[in-house]
Every structure is written in structure tokens, then in C-alpha cells.
């Protein structure tokens, strides 16, 4: 059995788009071949038990949201610790596959982050398998119950199937970039509607979206 650690780096934990994406990918890994375990890395606090499980895995499948074209700050703490420990041991050198989703419609916005993870693998002595950038991450909560491969996830389903095959063979592949199967303008309208609904829910007015907050100087 190939021990696989599915690492959810979203601060939102189990209800996040990252967890949903990991669940989709998990379905593509043969149960008779892969021992799959989920770990939620919501804070920078290093859990020794979780760290030990990660270190003993042959495959690391990491998913997290894009934060300012980079890795979320709490995940950096985990990556630094894993780099330190992996660089000290030679027994385990897992393959790393990454799924990065972003609020932008354009999946290509995640390219820099995947480069960061590839460089991290090189420093830690790990094998970079493949990365996937996923656009319009805000749509996942709306279509949470939609099966992968069905609209609006047809293209994403095809990309995940290709990546899942590489994971099964433990080979590397070219990074993939994919967004859901609806036009950018439709996503923009949906996101703006969500913002308006959220601001009303929090007791504010729509004009507060455009209000300038005075700069407070120390």
C-alpha cells in the first residue's frame, strides 16, 4: 500500500473548497493501492503526530487557496518545518502533488505559487510530481454537491483524471491550469452578488462597499 497524505491547507478546514478538491482527487486513487489519510493544517501550530504521519508518507497531495499570489502564511510554517526535517533524513523522499485554487477566474494566477512549491521541493530534497492551478474557487461552495466531470466541472474533471493517473503511476507531469465551464462574466456577476448579500447580512449598506476608511497614522 502506498501511504498518501492529503493535506488541506485552507484556514476554513473541512468546509473549504480545498477539502472539496481533495475529495474529488481522492476518488481517482485506487483504494486497493493507496492508503489515504486526510490532515487539516488550519494553523501554524505544528502537531507532532500529524508531522510524523506526513513524514512517513510516500505521496503528499497538498491543496490550499491562493493568498496574494503565494502560500498562506500558516502553511509557510508547515513547509519550513517539513523542509528542515526532510533535509535531515534520507529514508523517505515522497512525491509532491499540489492543487491551488484562487478567487480569480483565471487559473494562471496560481503559476507563481506552483513555482514556489516546486522550489520548496528542491530545497527539501523531495520529488515534484505535478501542480494544478484552479480558477474561480469561489464557485465550489455553490456547486458543492455537483459530481466531478459534470457541468460546471467537466474540464476540471478531465484535468484531475490526468493528474490522478500520474499520481497512480507516481510520475511527474506538466502543471495544469483550469477554470470551471462558465464564462468569466458570469462568475463576476455571481461574485458581486455574493458580496452585496454578505454586506447586507452584516448590517451594512451597499454604499459602504465604496466608502473610504480614513488612514490612521501611529
C-alpha atoms as a PDB file:
ATOM      1  CA  UNK A   1       0.000   0.000   0.000  1.00  0.00           C
ATOM      2  CA  UNK A   2       1.200   3.478  -0.864  1.00  0.00           C
ATOM      3  CA  UNK A   3       0.669   5.777   2.086  1.00  0.00           C
ATOM      4  CA  UNK A   4      -0.753   9.078   0.888  1.00  0.00           C
ATOM      5  CA  UNK A   5      -1.212  12.217   2.989  1.00  0.00           C
ATOM      6  CA  UNK A   6      -3.917  14.573   1.728  1.00  0.00           C
ATOM      7  CA  UNK A   7      -3.066  17.949   3.251  1.00  0.00           C
ATOM      8  CA  UNK A   8      -5.758  20.623   3.416  1.00  0.00           C
ATOM      9  CA  UNK A   9      -4.054  23.971   3.944  1.00  0.00           C
ATOM     10  CA  UNK A  10      -7.205  26.090   3.996  1.00  0.00           C
ATOM     11  CA  UNK A  11      -7.999  28.035   7.204  1.00  0.00           C
ATOM     12  CA  UNK A  12     -11.640  27.073   6.617  1.00  0.00           C
ATOM     13  CA  UNK A  13     -10.897  23.404   7.192  1.00  0.00           C
ATOM     14  CA  UNK A  14     -13.488  20.808   6.292  1.00  0.00           C
ATOM     15  CA  UNK A  15     -15.964  23.220   4.656  1.00  0.00           C
ATOM     16  CA  UNK A  16     -13.392  24.697   2.290  1.00  0.00           C
ATOM     17  CA  UNK A  17     -13.013  24.486  -1.478  1.00  0.00           C
ATOM     18  CA  UNK A  18      -9.612  22.880  -0.841  1.00  0.00           C
ATOM     19  CA  UNK A  19     -11.240  19.961   1.001  1.00  0.00           C
ATOM     20  CA  UNK A  20     -13.787  19.560  -1.773  1.00  0.00           C
ATOM     21  CA  UNK A  21     -10.995  19.467  -4.364  1.00  0.00           C
ATOM     22  CA  UNK A  22      -9.070  16.895  -2.307  1.00  0.00           C
ATOM     23  CA  UNK A  23     -12.195  14.735  -2.088  1.00  0.00           C
ATOM     24  CA  UNK A  24     -12.520  14.832  -5.874  1.00  0.00           C
ATOM     25  CA  UNK A  25      -8.911  13.745  -6.319  1.00  0.00           C
ATOM     26  CA  UNK A  26      -9.174  11.048  -3.657  1.00  0.00           C
ATOM     27  CA  UNK A  27     -11.913   9.332  -5.667  1.00  0.00           C
ATOM     28  CA  UNK A  28      -9.406   8.862  -8.503  1.00  0.00           C
ATOM     29  CA  UNK A  29      -6.861   6.975  -6.396  1.00  0.00           C
ATOM     30  CA  UNK A  30      -7.369   3.176  -6.323  1.00  0.00           C
ATOM     31  CA  UNK A  31      -8.383   2.090  -2.809  1.00  0.00           C
ATOM     32  CA  UNK A  32      -6.554  -1.211  -3.144  1.00  0.00           C
ATOM     33  CA  UNK A  33      -3.297   0.607  -3.920  1.00  0.00           C
ATOM     34  CA  UNK A  34      -3.406   3.794  -1.845  1.00  0.00           C
ATOM     35  CA  UNK A  35      -3.813   4.213   1.899  1.00  0.00           C
ATOM     36  CA  UNK A  36      -5.274   7.719   2.062  1.00  0.00           C
ATOM     37  CA  UNK A  37      -5.384   9.926   5.144  1.00  0.00           C
ATOM     38  CA  UNK A  38      -6.684  13.486   5.437  1.00  0.00           C
ATOM     39  CA  UNK A  39      -4.984  16.143   7.566  1.00  0.00           C
ATOM     40  CA  UNK A  40      -6.227  19.700   8.090  1.00  0.00           C
ATOM     41  CA  UNK A  41      -3.429  22.255   8.524  1.00  0.00           C
ATOM     42  CA  UNK A  42      -5.525  25.251   9.615  1.00  0.00           C
ATOM     43  CA  UNK A  43      -2.998  26.911  11.927  1.00  0.00           C
ATOM     44  CA  UNK A  44       0.790  27.358  12.048  1.00  0.00           C
ATOM     45  CA  UNK A  45       0.965  25.163  15.161  1.00  0.00           C
ATOM     46  CA  UNK A  46       2.930  22.021  14.340  1.00  0.00           C
ATOM     47  CA  UNK A  47       1.204  18.856  15.560  1.00  0.00           C
ATOM     48  CA  UNK A  48       3.956  16.214  16.124  1.00  0.00           C
ATOM     49  CA  UNK A  49       1.526  13.368  15.387  1.00  0.00           C
ATOM     50  CA  UNK A  50       0.443  14.872  12.065  1.00  0.00           C
ATOM     51  CA  UNK A  51       4.050  15.716  11.226  1.00  0.00           C
ATOM     52  CA  UNK A  52       5.054  12.102  11.809  1.00  0.00           C
ATOM     53  CA  UNK A  53       2.281  10.837   9.536  1.00  0.00           C
ATOM     54  CA  UNK A  54       3.362  13.216   6.776  1.00  0.00           C
ATOM     55  CA  UNK A  55       7.000  12.199   7.075  1.00  0.00           C
ATOM     56  CA  UNK A  56       6.125   8.520   6.722  1.00  0.00           C
ATOM     57  CA  UNK A  57       4.044   9.014   3.549  1.00  0.00           C
ATOM     58  CA  UNK A  58       5.147   8.143   0.019  1.00  0.00           C
ATOM     59  CA  UNK A  59       2.866  10.722  -1.625  1.00  0.00           C
ATOM     60  CA  UNK A  60       1.937  14.222  -0.439  1.00  0.00           C
ATOM     61  CA  UNK A  61      -1.150  15.741  -2.033  1.00  0.00           C
ATOM     62  CA  UNK A  62      -1.397  19.379  -0.926  1.00  0.00           C
ATOM     63  CA  UNK A  63      -4.375  21.682  -1.510  1.00  0.00           C
ATOM     64  CA  UNK A  64      -4.800  25.270  -0.365  1.00  0.00           C
ATOM     65  CA  UNK A  65      -6.184  28.639  -1.536  1.00  0.00           C
ATOM     66  CA  UNK A  66      -4.044  31.317  -3.144  1.00  0.00           C
ATOM     67  CA  UNK A  67      -3.149  34.172  -0.798  1.00  0.00           C
ATOM     68  CA  UNK A  68      -1.721  37.274  -2.546  1.00  0.00           C
ATOM     69  CA  UNK A  69      -0.076  35.173  -5.285  1.00  0.00           C
ATOM     70  CA  UNK A  70       1.587  32.992  -2.654  1.00  0.00           C
ATOM     71  CA  UNK A  71       1.232  30.370   0.053  1.00  0.00           C
ATOM     72  CA  UNK A  72      -0.977  31.168   3.083  1.00  0.00           C
ATOM     73  CA  UNK A  73       1.189  32.336   5.995  1.00  0.00           C
ATOM     74  CA  UNK A  74       0.242  29.473   8.312  1.00  0.00           C
ATOM     75  CA  UNK A  75       1.227  26.971   5.604  1.00  0.00           C
ATOM     76  CA  UNK A  76       4.682  28.528   5.316  1.00  0.00           C
ATOM     77  CA  UNK A  77       5.376  27.458   8.897  1.00  0.00           C
ATOM     78  CA  UNK A  78       4.497  23.853   7.990  1.00  0.00           C
ATOM     79  CA  UNK A  79       6.595  23.918   4.820  1.00  0.00           C
ATOM     80  CA  UNK A  80       9.606  25.292   6.690  1.00  0.00           C
ATOM     81  CA  UNK A  81       9.372  22.564   9.318  1.00  0.00           C
ATOM     82  CA  UNK A  82       8.913  19.821   6.734  1.00  0.00           C
ATOM     83  CA  UNK A  83      11.874  21.160   4.772  1.00  0.00           C
ATOM     84  CA  UNK A  84      14.025  21.069   7.898  1.00  0.00           C
ATOM     85  CA  UNK A  85      13.076  17.517   8.829  1.00  0.00           C
ATOM     86  CA  UNK A  86      13.166  16.069   5.309  1.00  0.00           C
ATOM     87  CA  UNK A  87      16.624  17.548   4.742  1.00  0.00           C
ATOM     88  CA  UNK A  88      17.879  15.624   7.777  1.00  0.00           C
ATOM     89  CA  UNK A  89      16.649  12.205   6.687  1.00  0.00           C
ATOM     90  CA  UNK A  90      17.254  10.130   3.591  1.00  0.00           C
ATOM     91  CA  UNK A  91      14.833   7.242   4.133  1.00  0.00           C
ATOM     92  CA  UNK A  92      11.684   8.983   2.943  1.00  0.00           C
ATOM     93  CA  UNK A  93      11.510  11.098  -0.181  1.00  0.00           C
ATOM     94  CA  UNK A  94       7.824  11.405  -1.102  1.00  0.00           C
ATOM     95  CA  UNK A  95       6.439  12.717  -4.364  1.00  0.00           C
ATOM     96  CA  UNK A  96       4.558  16.003  -4.056  1.00  0.00           C
ATOM     97  CA  UNK A  97       1.432  16.985  -5.992  1.00  0.00           C
ATOM     98  CA  UNK A  98      -0.329  20.303  -5.397  1.00  0.00           C
ATOM     99  CA  UNK A  99      -3.801  21.726  -6.039  1.00  0.00           C
ATOM    100  CA  UNK A 100      -4.033  25.503  -5.645  1.00  0.00           C
ATOM    101  CA  UNK A 101      -7.366  27.281  -6.062  1.00  0.00           C
ATOM    102  CA  UNK A 102      -7.858  31.023  -6.346  1.00  0.00           C
ATOM    103  CA  UNK A 103     -10.708  33.517  -6.263  1.00  0.00           C
ATOM    104  CA  UNK A 104      -9.639  34.878  -9.631  1.00  0.00           C
ATOM    105  CA  UNK A 105     -11.355  33.372 -12.647  1.00  0.00           C
ATOM    106  CA  UNK A 106      -8.002  32.927 -14.392  1.00  0.00           C
ATOM    107  CA  UNK A 107      -6.308  29.768 -13.122  1.00  0.00           C
ATOM    108  CA  UNK A 108      -2.980  31.025 -14.460  1.00  0.00           C
ATOM    109  CA  UNK A 109      -2.906  33.372 -11.448  1.00  0.00           C
ATOM    110  CA  UNK A 110      -1.578  30.399  -9.426  1.00  0.00           C
ATOM    111  CA  UNK A 111       1.513  29.884 -11.578  1.00  0.00           C
ATOM    112  CA  UNK A 112       3.892  31.743  -9.228  1.00  0.00           C
ATOM    113  CA  UNK A 113       2.656  29.746  -6.247  1.00  0.00           C
ATOM    114  CA  UNK A 114       3.284  26.453  -8.010  1.00  0.00           C
ATOM    115  CA  UNK A 115       6.799  27.678  -8.782  1.00  0.00           C
ATOM    116  CA  UNK A 116       7.243  28.383  -5.062  1.00  0.00           C
ATOM    117  CA  UNK A 117       6.206  24.818  -4.208  1.00  0.00           C
ATOM    118  CA  UNK A 118       8.491  23.382  -6.888  1.00  0.00           C
ATOM    119  CA  UNK A 119      11.438  25.323  -5.433  1.00  0.00           C
ATOM    120  CA  UNK A 120      10.467  24.160  -1.933  1.00  0.00           C
ATOM    121  CA  UNK A 121      10.607  20.544  -3.111  1.00  0.00           C
ATOM    122  CA  UNK A 122      14.089  21.089  -4.483  1.00  0.00           C
ATOM    123  CA  UNK A 123      15.320  22.603  -1.204  1.00  0.00           C
ATOM    124  CA  UNK A 124      13.730  19.821   0.841  1.00  0.00           C
ATOM    125  CA  UNK A 125      15.040  17.072  -1.431  1.00  0.00           C
ATOM    126  CA  UNK A 126      11.563  15.959  -2.496  1.00  0.00           C
ATOM    127  CA  UNK A 127      10.301  14.895  -5.903  1.00  0.00           C
ATOM    128  CA  UNK A 128       7.990  17.400  -7.585  1.00  0.00           C
ATOM    129  CA  UNK A 129       5.206  15.467  -9.238  1.00  0.00           C
ATOM    130  CA  UNK A 130       2.739  17.938 -10.685  1.00  0.00           C
ATOM    131  CA  UNK A 131       0.740  21.030  -9.845  1.00  0.00           C
ATOM    132  CA  UNK A 132      -2.715  22.202 -10.810  1.00  0.00           C
ATOM    133  CA  UNK A 133      -3.986  25.767 -10.659  1.00  0.00           C
ATOM    134  CA  UNK A 134      -7.769  26.067 -10.353  1.00  0.00           C
ATOM    135  CA  UNK A 135      -9.599  29.300 -11.092  1.00  0.00           C
ATOM    136  CA  UNK A 136     -12.949  30.592  -9.807  1.00  0.00           C
ATOM    137  CA  UNK A 137     -12.509  28.900  -6.436  1.00  0.00           C
ATOM    138  CA  UNK A 138     -15.494  30.827  -5.108  1.00  0.00           C
ATOM    139  CA  UNK A 139     -17.789  28.643  -7.211  1.00  0.00           C
ATOM    140  CA  UNK A 140     -17.067  25.457  -5.294  1.00  0.00           C
ATOM    141  CA  UNK A 141     -19.300  26.266  -2.325  1.00  0.00           C
ATOM    142  CA  UNK A 142     -22.224  26.873  -4.692  1.00  0.00           C
ATOM    143  CA  UNK A 143     -21.702  23.590  -6.560  1.00  0.00           C
ATOM    144  CA  UNK A 144     -20.616  21.530  -3.554  1.00  0.00           C
ATOM    145  CA  UNK A 145     -22.931  18.628  -4.417  1.00  0.00           C
ATOM    146  CA  UNK A 146     -22.056  18.545  -8.114  1.00  0.00           C
ATOM    147  CA  UNK A 147     -20.099  15.426  -9.182  1.00  0.00           C
ATOM    148  CA  UNK A 148     -16.701  15.987 -10.760  1.00  0.00           C
ATOM    149  CA  UNK A 149     -16.904  15.682 -14.538  1.00  0.00           C
ATOM    150  CA  UNK A 150     -20.388  17.223 -14.646  1.00  0.00           C
ATOM    151  CA  UNK A 151     -21.092  20.856 -15.514  1.00  0.00           C
ATOM    152  CA  UNK A 152     -19.521  23.177 -14.443  1.00  0.00           C
ATOM    153  CA  UNK A 153     -16.605  20.845 -13.666  1.00  0.00           C
ATOM    154  CA  UNK A 154     -16.228  18.977 -16.968  1.00  0.00           C
ATOM    155  CA  UNK A 155     -12.849  20.482 -17.869  1.00  0.00           C
ATOM    156  CA  UNK A 156     -11.666  20.227 -14.276  1.00  0.00           C
ATOM    157  CA  UNK A 157     -12.740  16.581 -14.195  1.00  0.00           C
ATOM    158  CA  UNK A 158     -10.628  15.832 -17.248  1.00  0.00           C
ATOM    159  CA  UNK A 159      -7.605  17.606 -15.764  1.00  0.00           C
ATOM    160  CA  UNK A 160      -7.987  15.793 -12.453  1.00  0.00           C
ATOM    161  CA  UNK A 161      -8.289  12.446 -14.200  1.00  0.00           C
ATOM    162  CA  UNK A 162      -4.987  13.087 -15.998  1.00  0.00           C
ATOM    163  CA  UNK A 163      -3.306  14.178 -12.769  1.00  0.00           C
ATOM    164  CA  UNK A 164      -4.766  11.233 -10.854  1.00  0.00           C
ATOM    165  CA  UNK A 165      -3.256   8.876 -13.422  1.00  0.00           C
ATOM    166  CA  UNK A 166       0.168  10.464 -12.867  1.00  0.00           C
ATOM    167  CA  UNK A 167      -0.225  10.083  -9.110  1.00  0.00           C
ATOM    168  CA  UNK A 168      -1.178   6.430  -9.536  1.00  0.00           C
ATOM    169  CA  UNK A 169       1.933   5.836 -11.640  1.00  0.00           C
ATOM    170  CA  UNK A 170       3.981   8.156  -9.368  1.00  0.00           C
ATOM    171  CA  UNK A 171       5.334  10.046 -12.357  1.00  0.00           C
ATOM    172  CA  UNK A 172       5.754  13.758 -12.991  1.00  0.00           C
ATOM    173  CA  UNK A 173       3.660  15.831 -15.336  1.00  0.00           C
ATOM    174  CA  UNK A 174       3.296  19.330 -16.734  1.00  0.00           C
ATOM    175  CA  UNK A 175       1.448  21.758 -14.488  1.00  0.00           C
ATOM    176  CA  UNK A 176      -2.215  22.195 -15.406  1.00  0.00           C
ATOM    177  CA  UNK A 177      -4.406  25.309 -15.240  1.00  0.00           C
ATOM    178  CA  UNK A 178      -8.178  25.051 -15.473  1.00  0.00           C
ATOM    179  CA  UNK A 179     -11.307  27.016 -14.587  1.00  0.00           C
ATOM    180  CA  UNK A 180     -14.983  25.915 -14.376  1.00  0.00           C
ATOM    181  CA  UNK A 181     -17.082  25.680 -17.528  1.00  0.00           C
ATOM    182  CA  UNK A 182     -18.821  29.046 -17.427  1.00  0.00           C
ATOM    183  CA  UNK A 183     -17.739  32.413 -18.826  1.00  0.00           C
ATOM    184  CA  UNK A 184     -15.771  34.922 -16.802  1.00  0.00           C
ATOM    185  CA  UNK A 185     -18.574  37.486 -16.932  1.00  0.00           C
ATOM    186  CA  UNK A 186     -20.998  35.026 -15.288  1.00  0.00           C
ATOM    187  CA  UNK A 187     -18.527  34.402 -12.465  1.00  0.00           C
ATOM    188  CA  UNK A 188     -18.018  38.161 -11.987  1.00  0.00           C
ATOM    189  CA  UNK A 189     -21.769  38.762 -11.685  1.00  0.00           C
ATOM    190  CA  UNK A 190     -22.159  35.892  -9.204  1.00  0.00           C
ATOM    191  CA  UNK A 191     -19.276  37.085  -7.025  1.00  0.00           C
ATOM    192  CA  UNK A 192     -20.529  40.674  -6.942  1.00  0.00           C
ATOM    193  CA  UNK A 193     -23.984  39.447  -5.939  1.00  0.00           C
ATOM    194  CA  UNK A 194     -22.407  37.408  -3.142  1.00  0.00           C
ATOM    195  CA  UNK A 195     -20.558  40.488  -1.861  1.00  0.00           C
ATOM    196  CA  UNK A 196     -23.768  42.536  -1.808  1.00  0.00           C
ATOM    197  CA  UNK A 197     -25.656  39.806   0.019  1.00  0.00           C
ATOM    198  CA  UNK A 198     -22.847  39.421   2.575  1.00  0.00           C
ATOM    199  CA  UNK A 199     -22.609  43.139   3.329  1.00  0.00           C
ATOM    200  CA  UNK A 200     -26.382  43.335   3.922  1.00  0.00           C
ATOM    201  CA  UNK A 201     -26.205  40.267   6.148  1.00  0.00           C
ATOM    202  CA  UNK A 202     -23.624  42.072   8.273  1.00  0.00           C
ATOM    203  CA  UNK A 203     -25.844  45.112   8.773  1.00  0.00           C
ATOM    204  CA  UNK A 204     -24.152  47.469   6.318  1.00  0.00           C
ATOM    205  CA  UNK A 205     -25.297  49.351   3.233  1.00  0.00           C
ATOM    206  CA  UNK A 206     -24.220  48.805  -0.346  1.00  0.00           C
ATOM    207  CA  UNK A 207     -22.640  52.260  -0.372  1.00  0.00           C
ATOM    208  CA  UNK A 208     -20.255  51.022   2.331  1.00  0.00           C
ATOM    209  CA  UNK A 209     -18.513  48.994  -0.361  1.00  0.00           C
ATOM    210  CA  UNK A 210     -17.214  52.265  -1.790  1.00  0.00           C
ATOM    211  CA  UNK A 211     -16.621  54.130   1.459  1.00  0.00           C
ATOM    212  CA  UNK A 212     -13.038  55.115   2.113  1.00  0.00           C
ATOM    213  CA  UNK A 213     -11.700  54.247   5.548  1.00  0.00           C
ATOM    214  CA  UNK A 214      -9.540  57.057   6.979  1.00  0.00           C
ATOM    215  CA  UNK A 215      -5.885  56.148   7.342  1.00  0.00           C
ATOM    216  CA  UNK A 216      -4.857  56.037  10.993  1.00  0.00           C
ATOM    217  CA  UNK A 217      -1.267  57.043  11.432  1.00  0.00           C
ATOM    218  CA  UNK A 218       0.737  55.962  14.526  1.00  0.00           C
END
